[in-house]
Amino acid sequence: MKFTRAIAFAVVTGASLVAMTGCSVFRDQQTVGSYVDDAGITTAVKAKMAEDKSVSATSISVETLNGTVQLSGFAKSQTEKNRAEQIARSTNHVREVRNSIVVRP
């Protein structure tokens, strides 16, 4: 019984360690802390876009890696595309913005 518990504990501990370090492998050697920071940046950018009436937050995708925000998707005008970029640039901890939004007539 004690041996079974010890094995179960070892398996759970090992799985937890793999899960925590797995983020760094799948995110280009990014640490868990920076992954959490990037998720916070993405959430903040999306929230600001949702509040802004001139930007369609549902048509624009936001991804963040090491503080660099990648915008993609579709905008109705160049003004909307520019506004989305401006929102991303004004968000805390954003180092760079790559705007790949396509303007559709």
PDB file of N, CA and C in Angstrom:
ATOM      1  N   MET A   1       0.829  -1.190   0.000  1.00  0.00           N
ATOM      2  CA  MET A   1       0.000   0.000   0.000  1.00  0.00           C
ATOM      3  C   MET A   1       0.873   1.253   0.000  1.00  0.00           C
ATOM      4  N   LYS A   2       1.906   1.294   0.868  1.00  0.00           N
ATOM      5  CA  LYS A   2       2.799   2.444   0.908  1.00  0.00           C
ATOM      6  C   LYS A   2       3.572   2.572  -0.394  1.00  0.00           C
ATOM      7  N   PHE A   3       3.961   1.424  -0.952  1.00  0.00           N
ATOM      8  CA  PHE A   3       4.708   1.414  -2.207  1.00  0.00           C
ATOM      9  C   PHE A   3       3.850   1.967  -3.351  1.00  0.00           C
ATOM     10  N   THR A   4       2.593   1.623  -3.381  1.00  0.00           N
ATOM     11  CA  THR A   4       1.668   2.108  -4.415  1.00  0.00           C
ATOM     12  C   THR A   4       1.474   3.611  -4.303  1.00  0.00           C
ATOM     13  N   ARG A   5       1.348   4.112  -3.089  1.00  0.00           N
ATOM     14  CA  ARG A   5       1.217   5.557  -2.872  1.00  0.00           C
ATOM     15  C   ARG A   5       2.472   6.294  -3.317  1.00  0.00           C
ATOM     16  N   ALA A   6       3.625   5.721  -3.009  1.00  0.00           N
ATOM     17  CA  ALA A   6       4.889   6.348  -3.388  1.00  0.00           C
ATOM     18  C   ALA A   6       5.013   6.418  -4.910  1.00  0.00           C
ATOM     19  N   ILE A   7       4.617   5.371  -5.588  1.00  0.00           N
ATOM     20  CA  ILE A   7       4.664   5.371  -7.054  1.00  0.00           C
ATOM     21  C   ILE A   7       3.672   6.387  -7.612  1.00  0.00           C
ATOM     22  N   ALA A   8       2.466   6.407  -7.068  1.00  0.00           N
ATOM     23  CA  ALA A   8       1.459   7.365  -7.531  1.00  0.00           C
ATOM     24  C   ALA A   8       1.938   8.800  -7.314  1.00  0.00           C
ATOM     25  N   PHE A   9       2.549   9.061  -6.168  1.00  0.00           N
ATOM     26  CA  PHE A   9       3.073  10.402  -5.885  1.00  0.00           C
ATOM     27  C   PHE A   9       4.178  10.773  -6.879  1.00  0.00           C
ATOM     28  N   ALA A  10       5.061   9.825  -7.146  1.00  0.00           N
ATOM     29  CA  ALA A  10       6.152  10.076  -8.099  1.00  0.00           C
ATOM     30  C   ALA A  10       5.622  10.361  -9.490  1.00  0.00           C
ATOM     31  N   VAL A  11       4.610   9.628  -9.903  1.00  0.00           N
ATOM     32  CA  VAL A  11       4.017   9.830 -11.229  1.00  0.00           C
ATOM     33  C   VAL A  11       3.361  11.202 -11.316  1.00  0.00           C
ATOM     34  N   VAL A  12       2.590  11.567 -10.304  1.00  0.00           N
ATOM     35  CA  VAL A  12       1.915  12.870 -10.298  1.00  0.00           C
ATOM     36  C   VAL A  12       2.936  14.001 -10.273  1.00  0.00           C
ATOM     37  N   THR A  13       3.970  13.866  -9.459  1.00  0.00           N
ATOM     38  CA  THR A  13       5.018  14.890  -9.392  1.00  0.00           C
ATOM     39  C   THR A  13       5.733  15.013 -10.729  1.00  0.00           C
ATOM     40  N   GLY A  14       6.077  13.888 -11.303  1.00  0.00           N
ATOM     41  CA  GLY A  14       6.755  13.908 -12.604  1.00  0.00           C
ATOM     42  C   GLY A  14       5.885  14.524 -13.686  1.00  0.00           C
ATOM     43  N   ALA A  15       4.617  14.179 -13.702  1.00  0.00           N
ATOM     44  CA  ALA A  15       3.703  14.740 -14.696  1.00  0.00           C
ATOM     45  C   ALA A  15       3.560  16.244 -14.517  1.00  0.00           C
ATOM     46  N   SER A  16       3.532  16.695 -13.269  1.00  0.00           N
ATOM     47  CA  SER A  16       3.429  18.134 -13.007  1.00  0.00           C
ATOM     48  C   SER A  16       4.654  18.874 -13.520  1.00  0.00           C
ATOM     49  N   LEU A  17       5.824  18.307 -13.276  1.00  0.00           N
ATOM     50  CA  LEU A  17       7.057  18.940 -13.751  1.00  0.00           C
ATOM     51  C   LEU A  17       7.097  18.996 -15.272  1.00  0.00           C
ATOM     52  N   VAL A  18       6.679  17.928 -15.911  1.00  0.00           N
ATOM     53  CA  VAL A  18       6.652  17.912 -17.382  1.00  0.00           C
ATOM     54  C   VAL A  18       5.661  18.948 -17.899  1.00  0.00           C
ATOM     55  N   ALA A  19       4.516  19.051 -17.262  1.00  0.00           N
ATOM     56  CA  ALA A  19       3.506  20.022 -17.704  1.00  0.00           C
ATOM     57  C   ALA A  19       4.005  21.451 -17.551  1.00  0.00           C
ATOM     58  N   MET A  20       4.685  21.740 -16.441  1.00  0.00           N
ATOM     59  CA  MET A  20       5.171  23.102 -16.227  1.00  0.00           C
ATOM     60  C   MET A  20       6.296  23.459 -17.183  1.00  0.00           C
ATOM     61  N   THR A  21       7.178  22.554 -17.438  1.00  0.00           N
ATOM     62  CA  THR A  21       8.285  22.849 -18.348  1.00  0.00           C
ATOM     63  C   THR A  21       7.882  22.654 -19.789  1.00  0.00           C
ATOM     64  N   GLY A  22       6.796  21.967 -20.027  1.00  0.00           N
ATOM     65  CA  GLY A  22       6.325  21.754 -21.392  1.00  0.00           C
ATOM     66  C   GLY A  22       5.991  23.049 -22.094  1.00  0.00           C
ATOM     67  N   CYS A  23       5.552  24.047 -21.358  1.00  0.00           N
ATOM     68  CA  CYS A  23       5.240  25.343 -21.965  1.00  0.00           C
ATOM     69  C   CYS A  23       6.474  25.939 -22.629  1.00  0.00           C
ATOM     70  N   SER A  24       7.631  25.789 -22.013  1.00  0.00           N
ATOM     71  CA  SER A  24       8.840  26.378 -22.574  1.00  0.00           C
ATOM     72  C   SER A  24       9.245  25.683 -23.860  1.00  0.00           C
ATOM     73  N   VAL A  25       8.973  24.413 -23.992  1.00  0.00           N
ATOM     74  CA  VAL A  25       9.323  23.690 -25.218  1.00  0.00           C
ATOM     75  C   VAL A  25       8.387  24.087 -26.343  1.00  0.00           C
ATOM     76  N   PHE A  26       7.116  24.168 -26.056  1.00  0.00           N
ATOM     77  CA  PHE A  26       6.140  24.479 -27.093  1.00  0.00           C
ATOM     78  C   PHE A  26       6.105  25.953 -27.446  1.00  0.00           C
ATOM     79  N   ARG A  27       6.662  26.789 -26.631  1.00  0.00           N
ATOM     80  CA  ARG A  27       6.641  28.228 -26.881  1.00  0.00           C
ATOM     81  C   ARG A  27       8.052  28.752 -27.120  1.00  0.00           C
ATOM     82  N   ASP A  28       8.850  28.045 -27.907  1.00  0.00           N
ATOM     83  CA  ASP A  28      10.193  28.478 -28.280  1.00  0.00           C
ATOM     84  C   ASP A  28      11.061  28.800 -27.073  1.00  0.00           C
ATOM     85  N   GLN A  29      11.139  27.870 -26.139  1.00  0.00           N
ATOM     86  CA  GLN A  29      11.974  27.991 -24.939  1.00  0.00           C
ATOM     87  C   GLN A  29      11.551  29.154 -24.051  1.00  0.00           C
ATOM     88  N   GLN A  30      10.317  29.508 -24.097  1.00  0.00           N
ATOM     89  CA  GLN A  30       9.783  30.575 -23.264  1.00  0.00           C
ATOM     90  C   GLN A  30       9.524  30.027 -21.870  1.00  0.00           C
ATOM     91  N   THR A  31       9.811  30.809 -20.853  1.00  0.00           N
ATOM     92  CA  THR A  31       9.576  30.368 -19.479  1.00  0.00           C
ATOM     93  C   THR A  31       8.091  30.432 -19.161  1.00  0.00           C
ATOM     94  N   VAL A  32       7.708  29.725 -18.110  1.00  0.00           N
ATOM     95  CA  VAL A  32       6.314  29.734 -17.692  1.00  0.00           C
ATOM     96  C   VAL A  32       5.881  31.148 -17.319  1.00  0.00           C
ATOM     97  N   GLY A  33       6.765  31.889 -16.647  1.00  0.00           N
ATOM     98  CA  GLY A  33       6.438  33.267 -16.254  1.00  0.00           C
ATOM     99  C   GLY A  33       6.187  34.166 -17.438  1.00  0.00           C
ATOM    100  N   SER A  34       7.020  34.074 -18.467  1.00  0.00           N
ATOM    101  CA  SER A  34       6.811  34.931 -19.638  1.00  0.00           C
ATOM    102  C   SER A  34       5.598  34.480 -20.429  1.00  0.00           C
ATOM    103  N   TYR A  35       5.292  33.175 -20.391  1.00  0.00           N
ATOM    104  CA  TYR A  35       4.069  32.688 -21.049  1.00  0.00           C
ATOM    105  C   TYR A  35       2.842  33.306 -20.387  1.00  0.00           C
ATOM    106  N   VAL A  36       2.857  33.372 -19.065  1.00  0.00           N
ATOM    107  CA  VAL A  36       1.747  33.984 -18.328  1.00  0.00           C
ATOM    108  C   VAL A  36       1.674  35.474 -18.648  1.00  0.00           C
ATOM    109  N   ASP A  37       2.821  36.160 -18.710  1.00  0.00           N
ATOM    110  CA  ASP A  37       2.840  37.576 -19.067  1.00  0.00           C
ATOM    111  C   ASP A  37       2.251  37.793 -20.458  1.00  0.00           C
ATOM    112  N   ASP A  38       2.639  36.953 -21.419  1.00  0.00           N
ATOM    113  CA  ASP A  38       2.115  37.077 -22.778  1.00  0.00           C
ATOM    114  C   ASP A  38       0.609  36.858 -22.821  1.00  0.00           C
ATOM    115  N   ALA A  39       0.129  35.913 -22.044  1.00  0.00           N
ATOM    116  CA  ALA A  39      -1.312  35.675 -21.980  1.00  0.00           C
ATOM    117  C   ALA A  39      -2.030  36.903 -21.416  1.00  0.00           C
ATOM    118  N   GLY A  40      -1.420  37.547 -20.434  1.00  0.00           N
ATOM    119  CA  GLY A  40      -1.995  38.768 -19.857  1.00  0.00           C
ATOM    120  C   GLY A  40      -2.025  39.911 -20.856  1.00  0.00           C
ATOM    121  N   ILE A  41      -0.964  40.027 -21.656  1.00  0.00           N
ATOM    122  CA  ILE A  41      -0.916  41.069 -22.688  1.00  0.00           C
ATOM    123  C   ILE A  41      -2.013  40.819 -23.716  1.00  0.00           C
ATOM    124  N   THR A  42      -2.132  39.580 -24.174  1.00  0.00           N
ATOM    125  CA  THR A  42      -3.162  39.234 -25.156  1.00  0.00           C
ATOM    126  C   THR A  42      -4.546  39.565 -24.627  1.00  0.00           C
ATOM    127  N   THR A  43      -4.803  39.195 -23.385  1.00  0.00           N
ATOM    128  CA  THR A  43      -6.099  39.475 -22.766  1.00  0.00           C
ATOM    129  C   THR A  43      -6.358  40.972 -22.674  1.00  0.00           C
ATOM    130  N   ALA A  44      -5.344  41.735 -22.299  1.00  0.00           N
ATOM    131  CA  ALA A  44      -5.501  43.187 -22.170  1.00  0.00           C
ATOM    132  C   ALA A  44      -5.789  43.837 -23.521  1.00  0.00           C
ATOM    133  N   VAL A  45      -5.074  43.403 -24.563  1.00  0.00           N
ATOM    134  CA  VAL A  45      -5.298  43.964 -25.901  1.00  0.00           C
ATOM    135  C   VAL A  45      -6.715  43.639 -26.374  1.00  0.00           C
ATOM    136  N   LYS A  46      -7.131  42.376 -26.211  1.00  0.00           N
ATOM    137  CA  LYS A  46      -8.486  41.979 -26.642  1.00  0.00           C
ATOM    138  C   LYS A  46      -9.552  42.753 -25.857  1.00  0.00           C
ATOM    139  N   ALA A  47      -9.340  42.975 -24.567  1.00  0.00           N
ATOM    140  CA  ALA A  47     -10.312  43.709 -23.751  1.00  0.00           C
ATOM    141  C   ALA A  47     -10.432  45.150 -24.227  1.00  0.00           C
ATOM    142  N   LYS A  48      -9.294  45.779 -24.530  1.00  0.00           N
ATOM    143  CA  LYS A  48      -9.326  47.154 -25.028  1.00  0.00           C
ATOM    144  C   LYS A  48     -10.037  47.228 -26.377  1.00  0.00           C
ATOM    145  N   MET A  49      -9.796  46.238 -27.218  1.00  0.00           N
ATOM    146  CA  MET A  49     -10.461  46.222 -28.528  1.00  0.00           C
ATOM    147  C   MET A  49     -11.970  46.032 -28.374  1.00  0.00           C
ATOM    148  N   ALA A  50     -12.358  45.194 -27.430  1.00  0.00           N
ATOM    149  CA  ALA A  50     -13.780  44.957 -27.197  1.00  0.00           C
ATOM    150  C   ALA A  50     -14.485  46.222 -26.706  1.00  0.00           C
ATOM    151  N   GLU A  51     -13.776  47.053 -25.956  1.00  0.00           N
ATOM    152  CA  GLU A  51     -14.339  48.303 -25.445  1.00  0.00           C
ATOM    153  C   GLU A  51     -14.427  49.384 -26.520  1.00  0.00           C
ATOM    154  N   ASP A  52     -13.562  49.297 -27.514  1.00  0.00           N
ATOM    155  CA  ASP A  52     -13.485  50.324 -28.555  1.00  0.00           C
ATOM    156  C   ASP A  52     -14.514  50.033 -29.654  1.00  0.00           C
ATOM    157  N   LYS A  53     -15.421  50.947 -29.861  1.00  0.00           N
ATOM    158  CA  LYS A  53     -16.496  50.759 -30.841  1.00  0.00           C
ATOM    159  C   LYS A  53     -15.999  50.780 -32.285  1.00  0.00           C
ATOM    160  N   SER A  54     -14.822  51.349 -32.525  1.00  0.00           N
ATOM    161  CA  SER A  54     -14.322  51.468 -33.900  1.00  0.00           C
ATOM    162  C   SER A  54     -13.541  50.238 -34.365  1.00  0.00           C
ATOM    163  N   VAL A  55     -13.385  49.251 -33.473  1.00  0.00           N
ATOM    164  CA  VAL A  55     -12.635  48.039 -33.817  1.00  0.00           C
ATOM    165  C   VAL A  55     -13.518  46.815 -33.582  1.00  0.00           C
ATOM    166  N   SER A  56     -13.553  45.923 -34.564  1.00  0.00           N
ATOM    167  CA  SER A  56     -14.298  44.677 -34.420  1.00  0.00           C
ATOM    168  C   SER A  56     -13.386  43.623 -33.807  1.00  0.00           C
ATOM    169  N   ALA A  57     -13.485  43.468 -32.505  1.00  0.00           N
ATOM    170  CA  ALA A  57     -12.601  42.552 -31.779  1.00  0.00           C
ATOM    171  C   ALA A  57     -12.795  41.101 -32.212  1.00  0.00           C
ATOM    172  N   THR A  58     -13.966  40.778 -32.710  1.00  0.00           N
ATOM    173  CA  THR A  58     -14.220  39.393 -33.126  1.00  0.00           C
ATOM    174  C   THR A  58     -13.580  39.068 -34.474  1.00  0.00           C
ATOM    175  N   SER A  59     -13.234  40.065 -35.255  1.00  0.00           N
ATOM    176  CA  SER A  59     -12.630  39.847 -36.572  1.00  0.00           C
ATOM    177  C   SER A  59     -11.105  39.901 -36.538  1.00  0.00           C
ATOM    178  N   ILE A  60     -10.548  40.287 -35.401  1.00  0.00           N
ATOM    179  CA  ILE A  60      -9.103  40.459 -35.293  1.00  0.00           C
ATOM    180  C   ILE A  60      -8.553  39.493 -34.249  1.00  0.00           C
ATOM    181  N   SER A  61      -7.542  38.752 -34.653  1.00  0.00           N
ATOM    182  CA  SER A  61      -6.880  37.792 -33.767  1.00  0.00           C
ATOM    183  C   SER A  61      -5.658  38.446 -33.148  1.00  0.00           C
ATOM    184  N   VAL A  62      -5.430  38.148 -31.872  1.00  0.00           N
ATOM    185  CA  VAL A  62      -4.286  38.705 -31.148  1.00  0.00           C
ATOM    186  C   VAL A  62      -3.496  37.546 -30.550  1.00  0.00           C
ATOM    187  N   GLU A  63      -2.211  37.496 -30.854  1.00  0.00           N
ATOM    188  CA  GLU A  63      -1.313  36.505 -30.262  1.00  0.00           C
ATOM    189  C   GLU A  63      -0.074  37.236 -29.765  1.00  0.00           C
ATOM    190  N   THR A  64       0.486  36.775 -28.660  1.00  0.00           N
ATOM    191  CA  THR A  64       1.652  37.437 -28.082  1.00  0.00           C
ATOM    192  C   THR A  64       2.735  36.412 -27.784  1.00  0.00           C
ATOM    193  N   LEU A  65       3.971  36.745 -28.143  1.00  0.00           N
ATOM    194  CA  LEU A  65       5.117  35.907 -27.833  1.00  0.00           C
ATOM    195  C   LEU A  65       6.280  36.806 -27.437  1.00  0.00           C
ATOM    196  N   ASN A  66       6.752  36.642 -26.220  1.00  0.00           N
ATOM    197  CA  ASN A  66       7.859  37.446 -25.687  1.00  0.00           C
ATOM    198  C   ASN A  66       7.611  38.943 -25.810  1.00  0.00           C
ATOM    199  N   GLY A  67       6.385  39.367 -25.573  1.00  0.00           N
ATOM    200  CA  GLY A  67       6.040  40.786 -25.603  1.00  0.00           C
ATOM    201  C   GLY A  67       5.748  41.335 -26.984  1.00  0.00           C
ATOM    202  N   THR A  68       5.897  40.514 -28.022  1.00  0.00           N
ATOM    203  CA  THR A  68       5.577  40.949 -29.385  1.00  0.00           C
ATOM    204  C   THR A  68       4.158  40.513 -29.711  1.00  0.00           C
ATOM    205  N   VAL A  69       3.328  41.478 -30.059  1.00  0.00           N
ATOM    206  CA  VAL A  69       1.925  41.214 -30.367  1.00  0.00           C
ATOM    207  C   VAL A  69       1.761  41.070 -31.871  1.00  0.00           C
ATOM    208  N   GLN A  70       1.120  39.980 -32.289  1.00  0.00           N
ATOM    209  CA  GLN A  70       0.826  39.724 -33.698  1.00  0.00           C
ATOM    210  C   GLN A  70      -0.672  39.916 -33.892  1.00  0.00           C
ATOM    211  N   LEU A  71      -1.029  40.872 -34.743  1.00  0.00           N
ATOM    212  CA  LEU A  71      -2.430  41.107 -35.082  1.00  0.00           C
ATOM    213  C   LEU A  71      -2.700  40.503 -36.451  1.00  0.00           C
ATOM    214  N   SER A  72      -3.805  39.791 -36.576  1.00  0.00           N
ATOM    215  CA  SER A  72      -4.188  39.237 -37.872  1.00  0.00           C
ATOM    216  C   SER A  72      -5.704  39.209 -37.957  1.00  0.00           C
ATOM    217  N   GLY A  73      -6.208  38.978 -39.142  1.00  0.00           N
ATOM    218  CA  GLY A  73      -7.644  38.965 -39.345  1.00  0.00           C
ATOM    219  C   GLY A  73      -8.035  40.001 -40.370  1.00  0.00           C
ATOM    220  N   PHE A  74      -9.257  40.486 -40.267  1.00  0.00           N
ATOM    221  CA  PHE A  74      -9.798  41.394 -41.271  1.00  0.00           C
ATOM    222  C   PHE A  74     -10.372  42.652 -40.635  1.00  0.00           C
ATOM    223  N   ALA A  75     -10.172  43.771 -41.327  1.00  0.00           N
ATOM    224  CA  ALA A  75     -10.730  45.060 -40.911  1.00  0.00           C
ATOM    225  C   ALA A  75     -11.572  45.615 -42.047  1.00  0.00           C
ATOM    226  N   LYS A  76     -12.520  46.452 -41.699  1.00  0.00           N
ATOM    227  CA  LYS A  76     -13.394  47.056 -42.711  1.00  0.00           C
ATOM    228  C   LYS A  76     -12.750  48.261 -43.374  1.00  0.00           C
ATOM    229  N   SER A  77     -11.731  48.827 -42.715  1.00  0.00           N
ATOM    230  CA  SER A  77     -11.081  50.020 -43.264  1.00  0.00           C
ATOM    231  C   SER A  77      -9.651  50.125 -42.743  1.00  0.00           C
ATOM    232  N   GLN A  78      -8.880  50.991 -43.402  1.00  0.00           N
ATOM    233  CA  GLN A  78      -7.515  51.241 -42.943  1.00  0.00           C
ATOM    234  C   GLN A  78      -7.533  51.900 -41.571  1.00  0.00           C
ATOM    235  N   THR A  79      -8.553  52.707 -41.316  1.00  0.00           N
ATOM    236  CA  THR A  79      -8.690  53.370 -40.016  1.00  0.00           C
ATOM    237  C   THR A  79      -8.844  52.338 -38.895  1.00  0.00           C
ATOM    238  N   GLU A  80      -9.651  51.308 -39.145  1.00  0.00           N
ATOM    239  CA  GLU A  80      -9.847  50.256 -38.146  1.00  0.00           C
ATOM    240  C   GLU A  80      -8.538  49.485 -37.920  1.00  0.00           C
ATOM    241  N   LYS A  81      -7.831  49.179 -38.995  1.00  0.00           N
ATOM    242  CA  LYS A  81      -6.543  48.489 -38.892  1.00  0.00           C
ATOM    243  C   LYS A  81      -5.557  49.311 -38.061  1.00  0.00           C
ATOM    244  N   ASN A  82      -5.471  50.607 -38.369  1.00  0.00           N
ATOM    245  CA  ASN A  82      -4.562  51.493 -37.633  1.00  0.00           C
ATOM    246  C   ASN A  82      -4.948  51.607 -36.161  1.00  0.00           C
ATOM    247  N   ARG A  83      -6.248  51.665 -35.892  1.00  0.00           N
ATOM    248  CA  ARG A  83      -6.731  51.790 -34.507  1.00  0.00           C
ATOM    249  C   ARG A  83      -6.390  50.526 -33.708  1.00  0.00           C
ATOM    250  N   ALA A  84      -6.533  49.361 -34.323  1.00  0.00           N
ATOM    251  CA  ALA A  84      -6.190  48.108 -33.648  1.00  0.00           C
ATOM    252  C   ALA A  84      -4.708  48.098 -33.273  1.00  0.00           C
ATOM    253  N   GLU A  85      -3.870  48.555 -34.187  1.00  0.00           N
ATOM    254  CA  GLU A  85      -2.434  48.623 -33.903  1.00  0.00           C
ATOM    255  C   GLU A  85      -2.148  49.616 -32.786  1.00  0.00           C
ATOM    256  N   GLN A  86      -2.826  50.755 -32.820  1.00  0.00           N
ATOM    257  CA  GLN A  86      -2.637  51.782 -31.791  1.00  0.00           C
ATOM    258  C   GLN A  86      -3.027  51.237 -30.411  1.00  0.00           C
ATOM    259  N   ILE A  87      -4.118  50.497 -30.365  1.00  0.00           N
ATOM    260  CA  ILE A  87      -4.559  49.901 -29.095  1.00  0.00           C
ATOM    261  C   ILE A  87      -3.499  48.935 -28.577  1.00  0.00           C
ATOM    262  N   ALA A  88      -2.986  48.097 -29.461  1.00  0.00           N
ATOM    263  CA  ALA A  88      -1.971  47.124 -29.046  1.00  0.00           C
ATOM    264  C   ALA A  88      -0.710  47.827 -28.552  1.00  0.00           C
ATOM    265  N   ARG A  89      -0.267  48.852 -29.275  1.00  0.00           N
ATOM    266  CA  ARG A  89       0.959  49.578 -28.892  1.00  0.00           C
ATOM    267  C   ARG A  89       0.812  50.282 -27.540  1.00  0.00           C
ATOM    268  N   SER A  90      -0.388  50.708 -27.224  1.00  0.00           N
ATOM    269  CA  SER A  90      -0.604  51.447 -25.977  1.00  0.00           C
ATOM    270  C   SER A  90      -0.815  50.532 -24.766  1.00  0.00           C
ATOM    271  N   THR A  91      -0.794  49.235 -24.976  1.00  0.00           N
ATOM    272  CA  THR A  91      -0.997  48.281 -23.883  1.00  0.00           C
ATOM    273  C   THR A  91       0.322  48.061 -23.137  1.00  0.00           C
ATOM    274  N   ASN A  92       0.233  47.993 -21.833  1.00  0.00           N
ATOM    275  CA  ASN A  92       1.429  47.806 -20.996  1.00  0.00           C
ATOM    276  C   ASN A  92       2.192  46.541 -21.356  1.00  0.00           C
ATOM    277  N   HIS A  93       3.512  46.631 -21.332  1.00  0.00           N
ATOM    278  CA  HIS A  93       4.450  45.527 -21.525  1.00  0.00           C
ATOM    279  C   HIS A  93       4.566  45.046 -22.969  1.00  0.00           C
ATOM    280  N   VAL A  94       3.939  45.746 -23.912  1.00  0.00           N
ATOM    281  CA  VAL A  94       4.073  45.383 -25.324  1.00  0.00           C
ATOM    282  C   VAL A  94       5.386  45.954 -25.833  1.00  0.00           C
ATOM    283  N   ARG A  95       6.236  45.087 -26.377  1.00  0.00           N
ATOM    284  CA  ARG A  95       7.537  45.518 -26.898  1.00  0.00           C
ATOM    285  C   ARG A  95       7.462  45.886 -28.376  1.00  0.00           C
ATOM    286  N   GLU A  96       6.644  45.159 -29.116  1.00  0.00           N
ATOM    287  CA  GLU A  96       6.559  45.351 -30.561  1.00  0.00           C
ATOM    288  C   GLU A  96       5.182  44.892 -31.022  1.00  0.00           C
ATOM    289  N   VAL A  97       4.713  45.487 -32.130  1.00  0.00           N
ATOM    290  CA  VAL A  97       3.429  45.065 -32.725  1.00  0.00           C
ATOM    291  C   VAL A  97       3.679  44.745 -34.195  1.00  0.00           C
ATOM    292  N   ARG A  98       3.220  43.594 -34.609  1.00  0.00           N
ATOM    293  CA  ARG A  98       3.254  43.197 -36.015  1.00  0.00           C
ATOM    294  C   ARG A  98       1.824  43.157 -36.496  1.00  0.00           C
ATOM    295  N   ASN A  99       1.509  44.035 -37.415  1.00  0.00           N
ATOM    296  CA  ASN A  99       0.143  44.182 -37.881  1.00  0.00           C
ATOM    297  C   ASN A  99      -0.028  43.514 -39.236  1.00  0.00           C
ATOM    298  N   SER A 100      -0.657  42.358 -39.249  1.00  0.00           N
ATOM    299  CA  SER A 100      -0.933  41.614 -40.471  1.00  0.00           C
ATOM    300  C   SER A 100      -2.408  41.628 -40.829  1.00  0.00           C
ATOM    301  N   ILE A 101      -3.120  42.592 -40.310  1.00  0.00           N
ATOM    302  CA  ILE A 101      -4.566  42.698 -40.580  1.00  0.00           C
ATOM    303  C   ILE A 101      -4.765  43.071 -42.043  1.00  0.00           C
ATOM    304  N   VAL A 102      -5.715  42.411 -42.682  1.00  0.00           N
ATOM    305  CA  VAL A 102      -6.034  42.683 -44.086  1.00  0.00           C
ATOM    306  C   VAL A 102      -7.291  43.527 -44.131  1.00  0.00           C
ATOM    307  N   VAL A 103      -7.263  44.591 -44.931  1.00  0.00           N
ATOM    308  CA  VAL A 103      -8.427  45.460 -45.088  1.00  0.00           C
ATOM    309  C   VAL A 103      -9.289  44.887 -46.206  1.00  0.00           C
ATOM    310  N   ARG A 104     -10.546  44.600 -45.874  1.00  0.00           N
ATOM    311  CA  ARG A 104     -11.498  44.102 -46.874  1.00  0.00           C
ATOM    312  C   ARG A 104     -12.544  45.185 -47.140  1.00  0.00           C
ATOM    313  N   PRO A 105     -12.834  45.411 -48.383  1.00  0.00           N
ATOM    314  CA  PRO A 105     -13.850  46.431 -48.707  1.00  0.00           C
ATOM    315  C   PRO A 105     -15.245  46.028 -48.305  1.00  0.00           C
TER     316      PRO A 105
END
